[in-house]
Amino acid sequence: MKGIVKVGKQEARKFGTPTANIYVNKELDLGIFKGHFIYNDEIYKSCIYVSKEGELTKIESYAIGKENLELYDKEIDVFILDKVRDIKQFENYEELKSQILKDVEDCK
C-alpha cells in the first residue's frame, strides 16, 4: 500500500523505534506484522503496526536498524507479510517498551 508519510505522535521514538506513518482508506487486519517498505528503490525490512485511527487505517512501519531515516512527506510503498501478534493493552510504559523490543526481534 502506498502512502505519504505523515507526522504522528512520535511515541515510538521514545523506544528507539521511530515509525513512518501512512493512512489508508482500507480495512486491514489489525496487529503487529513482519514486512518491508520501499522508498527510493531501496527495501527496508520492517516491523509494522496496523491500527484504526478514526475512519482510516494507520500503518506504522519501523525500518529495523534505520533510526535516522527522514521520510516525512515522502511516498513509501508498504508490504505487510506475516502477522506477529494481535493488538493488546499494557499496564505501564515498561511493559509496552519490553513488548515493542520483542516485536522488533520477532520481525527480524
C-alpha atoms as a PDB file:
ATOM      1  CA  MET A   1       0.000   0.000   0.000  1.00  0.00           C
ATOM      2  CA  LYS A   2       1.352   3.354  -0.992  1.00  0.00           C
ATOM      3  CA  GLY A   3       1.028   6.475   1.090  1.00  0.00           C
ATOM      4  CA  ILE A   4       2.644   9.751   2.059  1.00  0.00           C
ATOM      5  CA  VAL A   5       4.440   9.634   5.424  1.00  0.00           C
ATOM      6  CA  LYS A   6       2.742  11.870   7.984  1.00  0.00           C
ATOM      7  CA  VAL A   7       3.952  13.130  11.340  1.00  0.00           C
ATOM      8  CA  GLY A   8       2.454  11.051  14.148  1.00  0.00           C
ATOM      9  CA  LYS A   9       2.550  11.359  17.928  1.00  0.00           C
ATOM     10  CA  GLN A  10       6.231  10.312  17.841  1.00  0.00           C
ATOM     11  CA  GLU A  11       5.710   7.941  20.757  1.00  0.00           C
ATOM     12  CA  ALA A  12       7.724   5.121  19.145  1.00  0.00           C
ATOM     13  CA  ARG A  13      10.799   7.374  19.135  1.00  0.00           C
ATOM     14  CA  LYS A  14      10.888   7.016  22.943  1.00  0.00           C
ATOM     15  CA  PHE A  15      11.751   3.348  22.439  1.00  0.00           C
ATOM     16  CA  GLY A  16      14.303   3.934  19.673  1.00  0.00           C
ATOM     17  CA  THR A  17      11.877   2.647  17.049  1.00  0.00           C
ATOM     18  CA  PRO A  18      10.689   5.658  15.008  1.00  0.00           C
ATOM     19  CA  THR A  19       7.977   4.809  12.519  1.00  0.00           C
ATOM     20  CA  ALA A  20       6.928   6.027   9.105  1.00  0.00           C
ATOM     21  CA  ASN A  21       3.156   6.541   9.375  1.00  0.00           C
ATOM     22  CA  ILE A  22       0.780   6.326   6.452  1.00  0.00           C
ATOM     23  CA  TYR A  23      -3.016   6.306   6.410  1.00  0.00           C
ATOM     24  CA  VAL A  24      -5.169   4.269   4.046  1.00  0.00           C
ATOM     25  CA  ASN A  25      -8.900   4.119   3.451  1.00  0.00           C
ATOM     26  CA  LYS A  26      -8.946   0.318   3.508  1.00  0.00           C
ATOM     27  CA  GLU A  27      -9.947  -2.299   6.068  1.00  0.00           C
ATOM     28  CA  LEU A  28      -6.961  -4.394   7.162  1.00  0.00           C
ATOM     29  CA  ASP A  29      -6.265  -6.992   9.827  1.00  0.00           C
ATOM     30  CA  LEU A  30      -5.021  -5.137  12.926  1.00  0.00           C
ATOM     31  CA  GLY A  31      -1.896  -6.038  14.863  1.00  0.00           C
ATOM     32  CA  ILE A  32       1.865  -6.330  14.554  1.00  0.00           C
ATOM     33  CA  PHE A  33       3.335  -7.698  11.312  1.00  0.00           C
ATOM     34  CA  LYS A  34       6.623  -8.528   9.647  1.00  0.00           C
ATOM     35  CA  GLY A  35       7.059  -6.766   6.351  1.00  0.00           C
ATOM     36  CA  HIS A  36       9.008  -4.170   4.442  1.00  0.00           C
ATOM     37  CA  PHE A  37       8.610  -0.878   2.682  1.00  0.00           C
ATOM     38  CA  ILE A  38      10.202   0.596  -0.393  1.00  0.00           C
ATOM     39  CA  TYR A  39      11.477   4.147  -0.590  1.00  0.00           C
ATOM     40  CA  ASN A  40      13.692   5.478  -3.400  1.00  0.00           C
ATOM     41  CA  ASP A  41      14.078   1.957  -4.820  1.00  0.00           C
ATOM     42  CA  GLU A  42      15.508   0.668  -1.514  1.00  0.00           C
ATOM     43  CA  ILE A  43      13.830  -2.072   0.513  1.00  0.00           C
ATOM     44  CA  TYR A  44      13.645  -1.599   4.287  1.00  0.00           C
ATOM     45  CA  LYS A  45      12.848  -4.644   6.439  1.00  0.00           C
ATOM     46  CA  SER A  46      10.143  -3.508   8.866  1.00  0.00           C
ATOM     47  CA  CYS A  47       8.135  -4.191  11.957  1.00  0.00           C
ATOM     48  CA  ILE A  48       4.653  -2.858  11.169  1.00  0.00           C
ATOM     49  CA  TYR A  49       1.820  -1.825  13.498  1.00  0.00           C
ATOM     50  CA  VAL A  50      -1.635  -1.630  11.902  1.00  0.00           C
ATOM     51  CA  SER A  51      -4.404   0.130  13.837  1.00  0.00           C
ATOM     52  CA  LYS A  52      -7.543   2.193  13.324  1.00  0.00           C
ATOM     53  CA  GLU A  53      -7.480   5.954  13.698  1.00  0.00           C
ATOM     54  CA  GLY A  54     -10.927   7.357  13.152  1.00  0.00           C
ATOM     55  CA  GLU A  55     -12.283   6.144   9.814  1.00  0.00           C
ATOM     56  CA  LEU A  56      -8.807   5.413   8.443  1.00  0.00           C
ATOM     57  CA  THR A  57      -6.347   2.581   8.924  1.00  0.00           C
ATOM     58  CA  LYS A  58      -2.973   3.706  10.236  1.00  0.00           C
ATOM     59  CA  ILE A  59       0.124   1.775   9.167  1.00  0.00           C
ATOM     60  CA  GLU A  60       3.251   2.475  11.234  1.00  0.00           C
ATOM     61  CA  SER A  61       6.428   0.973   9.778  1.00  0.00           C
ATOM     62  CA  TYR A  62       9.699   0.823  11.706  1.00  0.00           C
ATOM     63  CA  ALA A  63      12.654   0.252   9.361  1.00  0.00           C
ATOM     64  CA  ILE A  64      14.661  -2.157  11.522  1.00  0.00           C
ATOM     65  CA  GLY A  65      18.081  -0.706  12.305  1.00  0.00           C
ATOM     66  CA  LYS A  66      17.442   2.519  10.356  1.00  0.00           C
ATOM     67  CA  GLU A  67      16.591   5.047  13.061  1.00  0.00           C
ATOM     68  CA  ASN A  68      17.723   8.145  11.131  1.00  0.00           C
ATOM     69  CA  LEU A  69      15.526   7.991   8.036  1.00  0.00           C
ATOM     70  CA  GLU A  70      13.777  11.276   7.243  1.00  0.00           C
ATOM     71  CA  LEU A  71      10.588  10.282   5.432  1.00  0.00           C
ATOM     72  CA  TYR A  72       8.033  12.966   6.310  1.00  0.00           C
ATOM     73  CA  ASP A  73       6.029  13.993   3.239  1.00  0.00           C
ATOM     74  CA  LYS A  74       7.701  11.238   1.171  1.00  0.00           C
ATOM     75  CA  GLU A  75       5.842   8.371  -0.521  1.00  0.00           C
ATOM     76  CA  ILE A  76       6.564   4.823   0.636  1.00  0.00           C
ATOM     77  CA  ASP A  77       5.119   1.503  -0.513  1.00  0.00           C
ATOM     78  CA  VAL A  78       4.389  -0.855   2.406  1.00  0.00           C
ATOM     79  CA  PHE A  79       4.188  -4.641   2.084  1.00  0.00           C
ATOM     80  CA  ILE A  80       2.628  -6.490   5.024  1.00  0.00           C
ATOM     81  CA  LEU A  81       3.737 -10.111   5.276  1.00  0.00           C
ATOM     82  CA  ASP A  82       3.354 -12.319   8.377  1.00  0.00           C
ATOM     83  CA  LYS A  83       1.338 -11.494  11.477  1.00  0.00           C
ATOM     84  CA  VAL A  84       3.366 -11.492  14.700  1.00  0.00           C
ATOM     85  CA  ARG A  85       0.544 -10.827  17.189  1.00  0.00           C
ATOM     86  CA  ASP A  86      -2.764  -9.099  17.849  1.00  0.00           C
ATOM     87  CA  ILE A  87      -3.049  -5.663  19.451  1.00  0.00           C
ATOM     88  CA  LYS A  88      -3.121  -5.710  23.246  1.00  0.00           C
ATOM     89  CA  GLN A  89      -3.224  -3.204  26.086  1.00  0.00           C
ATOM     90  CA  PHE A  90      -0.368  -2.726  28.560  1.00  0.00           C
ATOM     91  CA  GLU A  91      -0.392  -1.854  32.242  1.00  0.00           C
ATOM     92  CA  ASN A  92       2.551   0.524  32.059  1.00  0.00           C
ATOM     93  CA  TYR A  93       5.312   2.078  29.992  1.00  0.00           C
ATOM     94  CA  GLU A  94       7.878  -0.630  30.847  1.00  0.00           C
ATOM     95  CA  GLU A  95       5.574  -3.441  29.694  1.00  0.00           C
ATOM     96  CA  LEU A  96       4.918  -1.613  26.428  1.00  0.00           C
ATOM     97  CA  LYS A  97       8.618  -0.921  25.847  1.00  0.00           C
ATOM     98  CA  SER A  98       9.531  -4.545  26.533  1.00  0.00           C
ATOM     99  CA  GLN A  99       6.869  -5.815  24.108  1.00  0.00           C
ATOM    100  CA  ILE A 100       7.889  -3.385  21.347  1.00  0.00           C
ATOM    101  CA  LEU A 101      11.516  -4.514  21.596  1.00  0.00           C
ATOM    102  CA  LYS A 102      10.371  -8.158  21.496  1.00  0.00           C
ATOM    103  CA  ASP A 103       8.189  -7.419  18.471  1.00  0.00           C
ATOM    104  CA  VAL A 104      11.163  -5.914  16.642  1.00  0.00           C
ATOM    105  CA  GLU A 105      13.207  -9.048  17.358  1.00  0.00           C
ATOM    106  CA  ASP A 106      10.323 -11.232  16.132  1.00  0.00           C
ATOM    107  CA  CYS A 107      10.182  -9.201  12.910  1.00  0.00           C
ATOM    108  CA  LYS A 108      13.867  -9.633  12.072  1.00  0.00           C
END
